[in-house]
Protein backbone atom coordinates (compact mmCIF):
# COMPACT_ATOMS: atom_id res chain seq x y z
CA MET A 1 96.23 109.13 98.97
CA GLN A 2 94.06 106.27 100.08
CA TRP A 3 96.32 103.52 101.38
CA HIS A 4 93.52 100.96 101.43
CA GLY A 5 92.80 101.51 97.75
CA PHE A 6 96.47 101.06 96.84
CA VAL A 7 96.66 97.78 98.77
CA GLN A 8 93.54 96.53 97.01
CA PHE A 9 95.11 97.46 93.67
CA LEU A 10 98.29 95.53 94.50
CA LYS A 11 96.24 92.46 95.43
CA TYR A 12 94.24 92.75 92.21
CA ALA A 13 97.38 93.18 90.08
CA PHE A 14 99.06 90.20 91.79
CA VAL A 15 96.04 87.96 91.12
CA MET A 16 95.82 89.05 87.47
CA ILE A 17 99.55 88.54 86.83
CA THR A 18 99.47 85.15 88.56
CA GLY A 19 96.45 84.05 86.52
CA LEU A 20 98.06 85.14 83.26
CA THR A 21 101.26 83.28 84.18
CA VAL A 22 99.29 80.11 84.92
CA LEU A 23 97.39 80.32 81.63
CA VAL A 24 100.56 80.86 79.58
CA GLY A 25 102.31 78.02 81.43
CA LEU A 26 99.43 75.62 80.83
CA HIS A 27 99.32 76.61 77.16
CA LEU A 28 103.04 75.90 76.76
CA ILE A 29 102.74 72.53 78.50
CA ILE A 30 99.53 71.36 76.79
CA GLU A 31 100.62 72.42 73.29
CA ASP A 32 103.93 70.55 73.83
CA HIS A 33 106.14 73.54 73.09
CA ASP A 34 109.92 73.24 73.40
CA LEU A 35 110.61 75.02 76.71
CA ARG A 36 114.41 74.93 76.44
CA PRO A 37 114.74 78.53 75.14
CA PHE A 38 113.06 79.76 78.35
CA PHE A 39 115.47 78.01 80.75
CA PHE A 40 118.28 79.89 82.46
CA PRO A 41 121.74 78.37 82.05
CA LEU A 42 123.08 77.03 85.32
């Protein structure tokens, strides 16, 4: 197993997941969605 390739994959996956999270978050904020269903009760 190539350790370097696995580390590169983890970096790539982290960047893609982070980018998708940012895009979804911006969409929810810009479109003025009600975010209350997504909050955790404290």
